[in-house]
Amino acid sequence: MLKEIRPAIVLVVALTLITGLAYPLAMTGIAQVVFPRQAQGSLIERDGKVVGSALIGQEFTSDAYFHGRPSATTAPDPKDPTKTVPAPYNAANSGGSNLGPTNQALVDRVREDVEKLKAENPGTPVPIDLVTTSGSGLDPDISPEAAYFQVPRIAKARNLSEDRIRQLVTENVAGRFAGFIGEPRVNVLALNLALDRVVPR
Protein backbone atom coordinates (compact mmCIF):
# COMPACT_ATOMS: atom_id res chain seq x y z
CA MET A 1 0.00 0.00 0.00
CA LEU A 2 2.74 2.44 1.03
CA LYS A 3 4.59 1.54 -2.15
CA GLU A 4 1.69 2.87 -4.25
CA ILE A 5 1.05 5.99 -2.12
CA ARG A 6 4.69 7.12 -1.81
CA PRO A 7 5.09 8.17 -5.52
CA ALA A 8 1.84 10.15 -5.33
CA ILE A 9 2.97 11.98 -2.18
CA VAL A 10 6.41 12.70 -3.68
CA LEU A 11 4.79 14.02 -6.86
CA VAL A 12 2.39 16.29 -4.94
CA VAL A 13 5.23 17.70 -2.82
CA ALA A 14 7.50 18.18 -5.85
CA LEU A 15 4.81 19.93 -7.92
CA THR A 16 3.85 22.10 -4.95
CA LEU A 17 7.47 23.22 -4.54
CA ILE A 18 7.93 23.81 -8.28
CA THR A 19 4.63 25.49 -9.17
CA GLY A 20 3.81 27.01 -5.78
CA LEU A 21 7.21 28.28 -4.72
CA ALA A 22 10.04 28.08 -7.27
CA TYR A 23 8.10 29.32 -10.33
CA PRO A 24 6.37 32.31 -8.60
CA LEU A 25 9.66 33.39 -6.99
CA ALA A 26 11.51 33.10 -10.31
CA MET A 27 8.87 35.12 -12.18
CA THR A 28 8.80 37.77 -9.43
CA GLY A 29 12.59 38.05 -9.55
CA ILE A 30 12.68 38.30 -13.34
CA ALA A 31 9.89 40.92 -13.31
CA GLN A 32 11.75 43.00 -10.71
CA VAL A 33 14.84 43.03 -12.93
CA VAL A 34 13.26 43.39 -16.39
CA PHE A 35 10.18 45.53 -15.55
CA PRO A 36 10.82 47.06 -12.10
CA ARG A 37 8.24 49.86 -12.38
CA GLN A 38 5.47 47.56 -13.61
CA ALA A 39 6.33 44.89 -11.01
CA GLN A 40 5.78 47.50 -8.29
CA GLY A 41 2.31 48.36 -9.63
CA SER A 42 3.13 51.16 -12.12
CA LEU A 43 2.77 53.67 -9.30
CA ILE A 44 2.53 57.38 -10.06
CA GLU A 45 4.08 59.86 -7.63
CA ARG A 46 3.62 63.59 -7.07
CA ASP A 47 5.99 65.48 -4.79
CA GLY A 48 7.43 62.18 -3.57
CA LYS A 49 4.04 60.76 -2.57
CA VAL A 50 2.21 57.95 -4.35
CA VAL A 51 -1.08 59.30 -5.74
CA GLY A 52 -2.22 56.27 -7.73
CA SER A 53 -1.37 53.69 -10.34
CA ALA A 54 -1.23 53.99 -14.11
CA LEU A 55 -3.10 50.67 -14.26
CA ILE A 56 -6.04 51.28 -11.91
CA GLY A 57 -8.50 54.14 -12.34
CA GLN A 58 -9.75 56.32 -9.53
CA GLU A 59 -12.83 58.45 -9.04
CA PHE A 60 -12.66 62.16 -9.78
CA THR A 61 -15.89 64.06 -9.07
CA SER A 62 -14.77 67.70 -9.12
CA ASP A 63 -15.71 69.79 -12.18
CA ALA A 64 -12.06 70.90 -12.28
CA TYR A 65 -10.82 67.41 -13.19
CA PHE A 66 -11.28 64.96 -16.03
CA HIS A 67 -13.60 62.09 -15.11
CA GLY A 68 -12.93 58.47 -16.02
CA ARG A 69 -15.33 55.74 -17.07
CA PRO A 70 -18.07 54.80 -14.63
CA SER A 71 -17.09 51.91 -12.37
CA ALA A 72 -19.45 49.17 -11.20
CA THR A 73 -17.21 47.72 -8.49
CA THR A 74 -18.63 47.25 -5.01
CA ALA A 75 -17.56 46.63 -1.40
CA PRO A 76 -19.28 45.04 1.61
CA ASP A 77 -21.82 47.31 3.28
CA PRO A 78 -20.33 48.34 6.65
CA LYS A 79 -23.84 48.29 8.15
CA ASP A 80 -24.80 44.89 6.73
CA PRO A 81 -22.00 42.53 5.56
CA THR A 82 -24.52 40.45 3.60
CA LYS A 83 -25.03 43.39 1.20
CA THR A 84 -22.76 45.47 -1.00
CA VAL A 85 -22.47 49.18 -1.69
CA PRO A 86 -20.96 50.98 -4.69
CA ALA A 87 -17.20 51.45 -4.32
CA PRO A 88 -15.84 52.84 -7.62
CA TYR A 89 -12.49 51.46 -8.74
CA ASN A 90 -12.30 48.94 -5.88
CA ALA A 91 -9.30 46.87 -6.94
CA ALA A 92 -10.16 44.20 -4.36
CA ASN A 93 -13.44 43.48 -6.13
CA SER A 94 -12.75 43.92 -9.83
CA GLY A 95 -15.66 43.20 -12.14
CA GLY A 96 -18.54 44.59 -14.15
CA SER A 97 -22.13 45.00 -13.06
CA ASN A 98 -23.32 41.93 -15.02
CA LEU A 99 -26.45 43.90 -15.97
CA GLY A 100 -27.70 43.11 -19.47
CA PRO A 101 -28.67 45.75 -22.06
CA THR A 102 -32.39 45.29 -21.26
CA ASN A 103 -31.95 45.66 -17.48
CA GLN A 104 -34.04 48.66 -16.42
CA ALA A 105 -31.58 49.74 -13.70
CA LEU A 106 -28.77 49.91 -16.27
CA VAL A 107 -30.95 51.68 -18.85
CA ASP A 108 -32.02 54.28 -16.25
CA ARG A 109 -28.46 54.86 -15.04
CA VAL A 110 -27.08 55.31 -18.56
CA ARG A 111 -29.98 57.59 -19.56
CA GLU A 112 -29.41 59.74 -16.46
CA ASP A 113 -25.66 59.97 -17.16
CA VAL A 114 -26.28 60.89 -20.80
CA GLU A 115 -28.69 63.67 -19.84
CA LYS A 116 -26.23 65.06 -17.30
CA LEU A 117 -23.41 65.05 -19.85
CA LYS A 118 -25.60 66.63 -22.54
CA ALA A 119 -26.28 69.50 -20.14
CA GLU A 120 -22.55 69.82 -19.54
CA ASN A 121 -21.69 70.06 -23.24
CA PRO A 122 -24.84 70.72 -25.31
CA GLY A 123 -24.85 69.83 -28.99
CA THR A 124 -21.89 67.43 -28.74
CA PRO A 125 -22.39 63.65 -29.00
CA VAL A 126 -21.67 61.92 -25.69
CA PRO A 127 -18.75 59.45 -26.02
CA ILE A 128 -19.86 55.93 -25.13
CA ASP A 129 -17.05 55.34 -22.64
CA LEU A 130 -18.30 58.16 -20.40
CA VAL A 131 -21.54 56.27 -19.72
CA THR A 132 -20.52 52.59 -19.88
CA THR A 133 -18.42 50.63 -17.42
CA SER A 134 -15.50 48.43 -18.40
CA GLY A 135 -15.45 44.69 -17.73
CA SER A 136 -13.01 45.13 -14.83
CA GLY A 137 -14.45 48.36 -13.41
CA LEU A 138 -10.86 49.56 -13.01
CA ASP A 139 -10.11 51.07 -16.43
CA PRO A 140 -7.65 53.97 -15.95
CA ASP A 141 -8.04 55.28 -19.50
CA ILE A 142 -10.65 57.06 -21.57
CA SER A 143 -10.79 57.70 -25.30
CA PRO A 144 -9.40 61.01 -26.62
CA GLU A 145 -13.01 61.88 -27.62
CA ALA A 146 -14.13 61.45 -24.01
CA ALA A 147 -11.34 63.72 -22.82
CA TYR A 148 -12.06 66.41 -25.44
CA PHE A 149 -15.76 66.25 -24.53
CA GLN A 150 -14.92 67.38 -20.97
CA VAL A 151 -12.80 70.37 -22.02
CA PRO A 152 -15.53 73.08 -21.74
CA ARG A 153 -16.43 72.08 -18.16
CA ILE A 154 -12.80 72.04 -17.03
CA ALA A 155 -11.97 75.30 -18.82
CA LYS A 156 -14.81 76.99 -16.95
CA ALA A 157 -13.86 75.45 -13.58
CA ARG A 158 -10.16 76.27 -13.98
CA ASN A 159 -10.61 79.64 -15.70
CA LEU A 160 -8.40 78.50 -18.58
CA SER A 161 -8.92 78.69 -22.32
CA GLU A 162 -10.43 75.64 -23.99
CA ASP A 163 -7.57 75.68 -26.50
CA ARG A 164 -5.00 75.29 -23.71
CA ILE A 165 -6.83 72.33 -22.22
CA ARG A 166 -7.32 70.71 -25.64
CA GLN A 167 -3.58 71.04 -26.18
CA LEU A 168 -2.99 69.32 -22.83
CA VAL A 169 -5.26 66.44 -23.85
CA THR A 170 -3.45 66.09 -27.19
CA GLU A 171 -0.09 65.96 -25.39
CA ASN A 172 -1.37 63.11 -23.20
CA VAL A 173 -2.88 60.87 -25.89
CA ALA A 174 -1.11 57.50 -26.04
CA GLY A 175 -1.23 55.90 -29.47
CA ARG A 176 -1.83 52.29 -30.43
CA PHE A 177 0.68 49.79 -29.04
CA ALA A 178 3.28 49.03 -31.74
CA GLY A 179 1.31 51.35 -34.02
CA PHE A 180 -1.59 48.98 -34.69
CA ILE A 181 -2.73 47.18 -31.49
CA GLY A 182 -5.58 48.68 -29.46
CA GLU A 183 -7.00 52.18 -29.63
CA PRO A 184 -5.61 55.62 -28.76
CA ARG A 185 -6.26 56.42 -25.10
CA VAL A 186 -5.70 58.97 -22.36
CA ASN A 187 -4.72 58.02 -18.81
CA VAL A 188 -7.08 60.06 -16.60
CA LEU A 189 -4.76 60.31 -13.59
CA ALA A 190 -1.77 61.37 -15.70
CA LEU A 191 -3.92 63.96 -17.50
CA ASN A 192 -5.24 65.38 -14.22
CA LEU A 193 -1.72 65.62 -12.81
CA ALA A 194 -0.64 67.47 -15.97
CA LEU A 195 -3.64 69.77 -15.47
CA ASP A 196 -2.55 70.48 -11.89
CA ARG A 197 0.92 71.39 -13.12
CA VAL A 198 -0.62 74.07 -15.35
CA VAL A 199 -3.01 75.39 -12.68
CA PRO A 200 -2.22 74.00 -9.20
CA ARG A 201 -5.22 73.15 -7.00
C-alpha atoms as a PDB file:
ATOM      1  CA  MET A   1       0.000   0.000   0.000  1.00  0.00           C
ATOM      2  CA  LEU A   2       2.741   2.442   1.033  1.00  0.00           C
ATOM      3  CA  LYS A   3       4.593   1.536  -2.154  1.00  0.00           C
ATOM      4  CA  GLU A   4       1.695   2.871  -4.249  1.00  0.00           C
ATOM      5  CA  ILE A   5       1.047   5.988  -2.121  1.00  0.00           C
ATOM      6  CA  ARG A   6       4.687   7.118  -1.814  1.00  0.00           C
ATOM      7  CA  PRO A   7       5.091   8.173  -5.524  1.00  0.00           C
ATOM      8  CA  ALA A   8       1.838  10.150  -5.328  1.00  0.00           C
ATOM      9  CA  ILE A   9       2.972  11.978  -2.176  1.00  0.00           C
ATOM     10  CA  VAL A  10       6.408  12.695  -3.678  1.00  0.00           C
ATOM     11  CA  LEU A  11       4.792  14.019  -6.863  1.00  0.00           C
ATOM     12  CA  VAL A  12       2.392  16.290  -4.945  1.00  0.00           C
ATOM     13  CA  VAL A  13       5.234  17.703  -2.815  1.00  0.00           C
ATOM     14  CA  ALA A  14       7.501  18.176  -5.854  1.00  0.00           C
ATOM     15  CA  LEU A  15       4.806  19.931  -7.924  1.00  0.00           C
ATOM     16  CA  THR A  16       3.854  22.098  -4.948  1.00  0.00           C
ATOM     17  CA  LEU A  17       7.470  23.223  -4.539  1.00  0.00           C
ATOM     18  CA  ILE A  18       7.931  23.811  -8.281  1.00  0.00           C
ATOM     19  CA  THR A  19       4.630  25.489  -9.167  1.00  0.00           C
ATOM     20  CA  GLY A  20       3.807  27.014  -5.781  1.00  0.00           C
ATOM     21  CA  LEU A  21       7.211  28.277  -4.721  1.00  0.00           C
ATOM     22  CA  ALA A  22      10.035  28.084  -7.269  1.00  0.00           C
ATOM     23  CA  TYR A  23       8.098  29.321 -10.328  1.00  0.00           C
ATOM     24  CA  PRO A  24       6.375  32.311  -8.603  1.00  0.00           C
ATOM     25  CA  LEU A  25       9.664  33.386  -6.994  1.00  0.00           C
ATOM     26  CA  ALA A  26      11.510  33.097 -10.311  1.00  0.00           C
ATOM     27  CA  MET A  27       8.869  35.118 -12.176  1.00  0.00           C
ATOM     28  CA  THR A  28       8.801  37.765  -9.433  1.00  0.00           C
ATOM     29  CA  GLY A  29      12.590  38.055  -9.549  1.00  0.00           C
ATOM     30  CA  ILE A  30      12.684  38.302 -13.339  1.00  0.00           C
ATOM     31  CA  ALA A  31       9.893  40.920 -13.314  1.00  0.00           C
ATOM     32  CA  GLN A  32      11.754  43.000 -10.707  1.00  0.00           C
ATOM     33  CA  VAL A  33      14.837  43.029 -12.933  1.00  0.00           C
ATOM     34  CA  VAL A  34      13.263  43.386 -16.388  1.00  0.00           C
ATOM     35  CA  PHE A  35      10.178  45.526 -15.546  1.00  0.00           C
ATOM     36  CA  PRO A  36      10.821  47.059 -12.103  1.00  0.00           C
ATOM     37  CA  ARG A  37       8.238  49.860 -12.382  1.00  0.00           C
ATOM     38  CA  GLN A  38       5.469  47.562 -13.607  1.00  0.00           C
ATOM     39  CA  ALA A  39       6.334  44.894 -11.010  1.00  0.00           C
ATOM     40  CA  GLN A  40       5.782  47.498  -8.292  1.00  0.00           C
ATOM     41  CA  GLY A  41       2.306  48.359  -9.627  1.00  0.00           C
ATOM     42  CA  SER A  42       3.132  51.157 -12.124  1.00  0.00           C
ATOM     43  CA  LEU A  43       2.768  53.666  -9.304  1.00  0.00           C
ATOM     44  CA  ILE A  44       2.532  57.385 -10.063  1.00  0.00           C
ATOM     45  CA  GLU A  45       4.084  59.862  -7.634  1.00  0.00           C
ATOM     46  CA  ARG A  46       3.622  63.589  -7.074  1.00  0.00           C
ATOM     47  CA  ASP A  47       5.992  65.478  -4.786  1.00  0.00           C
ATOM     48  CA  GLY A  48       7.426  62.177  -3.571  1.00  0.00           C
ATOM     49  CA  LYS A  49       4.037  60.758  -2.567  1.00  0.00           C
ATOM     50  CA  VAL A  50       2.210  57.948  -4.350  1.00  0.00           C
ATOM     51  CA  VAL A  51      -1.077  59.296  -5.745  1.00  0.00           C
ATOM     52  CA  GLY A  52      -2.215  56.266  -7.729  1.00  0.00           C
ATOM     53  CA  SER A  53      -1.370  53.686 -10.342  1.00  0.00           C
ATOM     54  CA  ALA A  54      -1.234  53.986 -14.109  1.00  0.00           C
ATOM     55  CA  LEU A  55      -3.099  50.669 -14.263  1.00  0.00           C
ATOM     56  CA  ILE A  56      -6.042  51.285 -11.910  1.00  0.00           C
ATOM     57  CA  GLY A  57      -8.497  54.139 -12.338  1.00  0.00           C
ATOM     58  CA  GLN A  58      -9.749  56.320  -9.532  1.00  0.00           C
ATOM     59  CA  GLU A  59     -12.829  58.447  -9.040  1.00  0.00           C
ATOM     60  CA  PHE A  60     -12.664  62.162  -9.784  1.00  0.00           C
ATOM     61  CA  THR A  61     -15.886  64.061  -9.065  1.00  0.00           C
ATOM     62  CA  SER A  62     -14.769  67.705  -9.121  1.00  0.00           C
ATOM     63  CA  ASP A  63     -15.707  69.787 -12.177  1.00  0.00           C
ATOM     64  CA  ALA A  64     -12.056  70.901 -12.283  1.00  0.00           C
ATOM     65  CA  TYR A  65     -10.819  67.411 -13.186  1.00  0.00           C
ATOM     66  CA  PHE A  66     -11.280  64.958 -16.026  1.00  0.00           C
ATOM     67  CA  HIS A  67     -13.601  62.094 -15.113  1.00  0.00           C
ATOM     68  CA  GLY A  68     -12.934  58.473 -16.018  1.00  0.00           C
ATOM     69  CA  ARG A  69     -15.334  55.740 -17.066  1.00  0.00           C
ATOM     70  CA  PRO A  70     -18.072  54.798 -14.633  1.00  0.00           C
ATOM     71  CA  SER A  71     -17.086  51.909 -12.371  1.00  0.00           C
ATOM     72  CA  ALA A  72     -19.454  49.171 -11.204  1.00  0.00           C
ATOM     73  CA  THR A  73     -17.208  47.720  -8.492  1.00  0.00           C
ATOM     74  CA  THR A  74     -18.627  47.245  -5.006  1.00  0.00           C
ATOM     75  CA  ALA A  75     -17.561  46.626  -1.404  1.00  0.00           C
ATOM     76  CA  PRO A  76     -19.278  45.038   1.613  1.00  0.00           C
ATOM     77  CA  ASP A  77     -21.823  47.310   3.277  1.00  0.00           C
ATOM     78  CA  PRO A  78     -20.329  48.338   6.653  1.00  0.00           C
ATOM     79  CA  LYS A  79     -23.839  48.286   8.154  1.00  0.00           C
ATOM     80  CA  ASP A  80     -24.796  44.886   6.725  1.00  0.00           C
ATOM     81  CA  PRO A  81     -22.002  42.532   5.557  1.00  0.00           C
ATOM     82  CA  THR A  82     -24.517  40.446   3.596  1.00  0.00           C
ATOM     83  CA  LYS A  83     -25.031  43.388   1.199  1.00  0.00           C
ATOM     84  CA  THR A  84     -22.761  45.471  -0.995  1.00  0.00           C
ATOM     85  CA  VAL A  85     -22.474  49.179  -1.692  1.00  0.00           C
ATOM     86  CA  PRO A  86     -20.960  50.984  -4.689  1.00  0.00           C
ATOM     87  CA  ALA A  87     -17.198  51.446  -4.324  1.00  0.00           C
ATOM     88  CA  PRO A  88     -15.845  52.842  -7.618  1.00  0.00           C
ATOM     89  CA  TYR A  89     -12.489  51.457  -8.740  1.00  0.00           C
ATOM     90  CA  ASN A  90     -12.305  48.943  -5.879  1.00  0.00           C
ATOM     91  CA  ALA A  91      -9.305  46.866  -6.939  1.00  0.00           C
ATOM     92  CA  ALA A  92     -10.162  44.202  -4.359  1.00  0.00           C
ATOM     93  CA  ASN A  93     -13.443  43.483  -6.135  1.00  0.00           C
ATOM     94  CA  SER A  94     -12.747  43.918  -9.830  1.00  0.00           C
ATOM     95  CA  GLY A  95     -15.660  43.203 -12.139  1.00  0.00           C
ATOM     96  CA  GLY A  96     -18.537  44.586 -14.148  1.00  0.00           C
ATOM     97  CA  SER A  97     -22.134  44.997 -13.057  1.00  0.00           C
ATOM     98  CA  ASN A  98     -23.322  41.926 -15.017  1.00  0.00           C
ATOM     99  CA  LEU A  99     -26.445  43.905 -15.966  1.00  0.00           C
ATOM    100  CA  GLY A 100     -27.702  43.112 -19.475  1.00  0.00           C
ATOM    101  CA  PRO A 101     -28.673  45.747 -22.057  1.00  0.00           C
ATOM    102  CA  THR A 102     -32.386  45.291 -21.264  1.00  0.00           C
ATOM    103  CA  ASN A 103     -31.954  45.657 -17.485  1.00  0.00           C
ATOM    104  CA  GLN A 104     -34.036  48.664 -16.422  1.00  0.00           C
ATOM    105  CA  ALA A 105     -31.582  49.742 -13.697  1.00  0.00           C
ATOM    106  CA  LEU A 106     -28.774  49.909 -16.271  1.00  0.00           C
ATOM    107  CA  VAL A 107     -30.952  51.681 -18.848  1.00  0.00           C
ATOM    108  CA  ASP A 108     -32.024  54.281 -16.254  1.00  0.00           C
ATOM    109  CA  ARG A 109     -28.458  54.863 -15.039  1.00  0.00           C
ATOM    110  CA  VAL A 110     -27.080  55.314 -18.564  1.00  0.00           C
ATOM    111  CA  ARG A 111     -29.979  57.589 -19.562  1.00  0.00           C
ATOM    112  CA  GLU A 112     -29.408  59.736 -16.465  1.00  0.00           C
ATOM    113  CA  ASP A 113     -25.662  59.971 -17.161  1.00  0.00           C
ATOM    114  CA  VAL A 114     -26.275  60.890 -20.801  1.00  0.00           C
ATOM    115  CA  GLU A 115     -28.694  63.674 -19.844  1.00  0.00           C
ATOM    116  CA  LYS A 116     -26.232  65.060 -17.301  1.00  0.00           C
ATOM    117  CA  LEU A 117     -23.408  65.047 -19.855  1.00  0.00           C
ATOM    118  CA  LYS A 118     -25.600  66.629 -22.541  1.00  0.00           C
ATOM    119  CA  ALA A 119     -26.284  69.499 -20.139  1.00  0.00           C
ATOM    120  CA  GLU A 120     -22.553  69.817 -19.539  1.00  0.00           C
ATOM    121  CA  ASN A 121     -21.686  70.065 -23.237  1.00  0.00           C
ATOM    122  CA  PRO A 122     -24.838  70.718 -25.311  1.00  0.00           C
ATOM    123  CA  GLY A 123     -24.848  69.833 -28.986  1.00  0.00           C
ATOM    124  CA  THR A 124     -21.889  67.430 -28.744  1.00  0.00           C
ATOM    125  CA  PRO A 125     -22.385  63.654 -29.001  1.00  0.00           C
ATOM    126  CA  VAL A 126     -21.671  61.919 -25.693  1.00  0.00           C
ATOM    127  CA  PRO A 127     -18.753  59.451 -26.024  1.00  0.00           C
ATOM    128  CA  ILE A 128     -19.862  55.925 -25.132  1.00  0.00           C
ATOM    129  CA  ASP A 129     -17.048  55.336 -22.644  1.00  0.00           C
ATOM    130  CA  LEU A 130     -18.304  58.160 -20.401  1.00  0.00           C
ATOM    131  CA  VAL A 131     -21.541  56.272 -19.722  1.00  0.00           C
ATOM    132  CA  THR A 132     -20.524  52.592 -19.876  1.00  0.00           C
ATOM    133  CA  THR A 133     -18.418  50.629 -17.422  1.00  0.00           C
ATOM    134  CA  SER A 134     -15.504  48.431 -18.398  1.00  0.00           C
ATOM    135  CA  GLY A 135     -15.449  44.691 -17.731  1.00  0.00           C
ATOM    136  CA  SER A 136     -13.013  45.134 -14.831  1.00  0.00           C
ATOM    137  CA  GLY A 137     -14.453  48.356 -13.406  1.00  0.00           C
ATOM    138  CA  LEU A 138     -10.857  49.555 -13.006  1.00  0.00           C
ATOM    139  CA  ASP A 139     -10.112  51.071 -16.434  1.00  0.00           C
ATOM    140  CA  PRO A 140      -7.648  53.969 -15.949  1.00  0.00           C
ATOM    141  CA  ASP A 141      -8.036  55.279 -19.504  1.00  0.00           C
ATOM    142  CA  ILE A 142     -10.653  57.056 -21.575  1.00  0.00           C
ATOM    143  CA  SER A 143     -10.793  57.704 -25.303  1.00  0.00           C
ATOM    144  CA  PRO A 144      -9.402  61.006 -26.618  1.00  0.00           C
ATOM    145  CA  GLU A 145     -13.010  61.882 -27.619  1.00  0.00           C
ATOM    146  CA  ALA A 146     -14.134  61.449 -24.005  1.00  0.00           C
ATOM    147  CA  ALA A 147     -11.336  63.722 -22.825  1.00  0.00           C
ATOM    148  CA  TYR A 148     -12.057  66.412 -25.439  1.00  0.00           C
ATOM    149  CA  PHE A 149     -15.761  66.254 -24.526  1.00  0.00           C
ATOM    150  CA  GLN A 150     -14.922  67.383 -20.972  1.00  0.00           C
ATOM    151  CA  VAL A 151     -12.795  70.365 -22.018  1.00  0.00           C
ATOM    152  CA  PRO A 152     -15.527  73.082 -21.740  1.00  0.00           C
ATOM    153  CA  ARG A 153     -16.428  72.082 -18.158  1.00  0.00           C
ATOM    154  CA  ILE A 154     -12.801  72.043 -17.029  1.00  0.00           C
ATOM    155  CA  ALA A 155     -11.966  75.299 -18.822  1.00  0.00           C
ATOM    156  CA  LYS A 156     -14.809  76.993 -16.954  1.00  0.00           C
ATOM    157  CA  ALA A 157     -13.862  75.454 -13.581  1.00  0.00           C
ATOM    158  CA  ARG A 158     -10.164  76.272 -13.985  1.00  0.00           C
ATOM    159  CA  ASN A 159     -10.613  79.637 -15.700  1.00  0.00           C
ATOM    160  CA  LEU A 160      -8.404  78.499 -18.578  1.00  0.00           C
ATOM    161  CA  SER A 161      -8.918  78.687 -22.316  1.00  0.00           C
ATOM    162  CA  GLU A 162     -10.429  75.643 -23.992  1.00  0.00           C
ATOM    163  CA  ASP A 163      -7.568  75.675 -26.500  1.00  0.00           C
ATOM    164  CA  ARG A 164      -5.002  75.289 -23.705  1.00  0.00           C
ATOM    165  CA  ILE A 165      -6.833  72.327 -22.221  1.00  0.00           C
ATOM    166  CA  ARG A 166      -7.324  70.707 -25.640  1.00  0.00           C
ATOM    167  CA  GLN A 167      -3.580  71.041 -26.183  1.00  0.00           C
ATOM    168  CA  LEU A 168      -2.986  69.318 -22.830  1.00  0.00           C
ATOM    169  CA  VAL A 169      -5.264  66.442 -23.854  1.00  0.00           C
ATOM    170  CA  THR A 170      -3.453  66.094 -27.192  1.00  0.00           C
ATOM    171  CA  GLU A 171      -0.094  65.963 -25.394  1.00  0.00           C
ATOM    172  CA  ASN A 172      -1.367  63.108 -23.197  1.00  0.00           C
ATOM    173  CA  VAL A 173      -2.878  60.868 -25.885  1.00  0.00           C
ATOM    174  CA  ALA A 174      -1.114  57.503 -26.039  1.00  0.00           C
ATOM    175  CA  GLY A 175      -1.234  55.901 -29.467  1.00  0.00           C
ATOM    176  CA  ARG A 176      -1.826  52.290 -30.429  1.00  0.00           C
ATOM    177  CA  PHE A 177       0.682  49.793 -29.038  1.00  0.00           C
ATOM    178  CA  ALA A 178       3.276  49.030 -31.739  1.00  0.00           C
ATOM    179  CA  GLY A 179       1.307  51.351 -34.019  1.00  0.00           C
ATOM    180  CA  PHE A 180      -1.588  48.975 -34.691  1.00  0.00           C
ATOM    181  CA  ILE A 181      -2.729  47.183 -31.493  1.00  0.00           C
ATOM    182  CA  GLY A 182      -5.579  48.682 -29.457  1.00  0.00           C
ATOM    183  CA  GLU A 183      -6.999  52.184 -29.632  1.00  0.00           C
ATOM    184  CA  PRO A 184      -5.607  55.623 -28.764  1.00  0.00           C
ATOM    185  CA  ARG A 185      -6.264  56.417 -25.103  1.00  0.00           C
ATOM    186  CA  VAL A 186      -5.703  58.971 -22.363  1.00  0.00           C
ATOM    187  CA  ASN A 187      -4.723  58.023 -18.815  1.00  0.00           C
ATOM    188  CA  VAL A 188      -7.076  60.056 -16.604  1.00  0.00           C
ATOM    189  CA  LEU A 189      -4.763  60.314 -13.588  1.00  0.00           C
ATOM    190  CA  ALA A 190      -1.770  61.372 -15.699  1.00  0.00           C
ATOM    191  CA  LEU A 191      -3.915  63.961 -17.499  1.00  0.00           C
ATOM    192  CA  ASN A 192      -5.244  65.383 -14.221  1.00  0.00           C
ATOM    193  CA  LEU A 193      -1.718  65.615 -12.812  1.00  0.00           C
ATOM    194  CA  ALA A 194      -0.641  67.474 -15.969  1.00  0.00           C
ATOM    195  CA  LEU A 195      -3.638  69.773 -15.473  1.00  0.00           C
ATOM    196  CA  ASP A 196      -2.548  70.483 -11.892  1.00  0.00           C
ATOM    197  CA  ARG A 197       0.918  71.394 -13.121  1.00  0.00           C
ATOM    198  CA  VAL A 198      -0.623  74.070 -15.351  1.00  0.00           C
ATOM    199  CA  VAL A 199      -3.013  75.392 -12.680  1.00  0.00           C
ATOM    200  CA  PRO A 200      -2.223  74.001  -9.204  1.00  0.00           C
ATOM    201  CA  ARG A 201      -5.222  73.145  -7.002  1.00  0.00           C
END
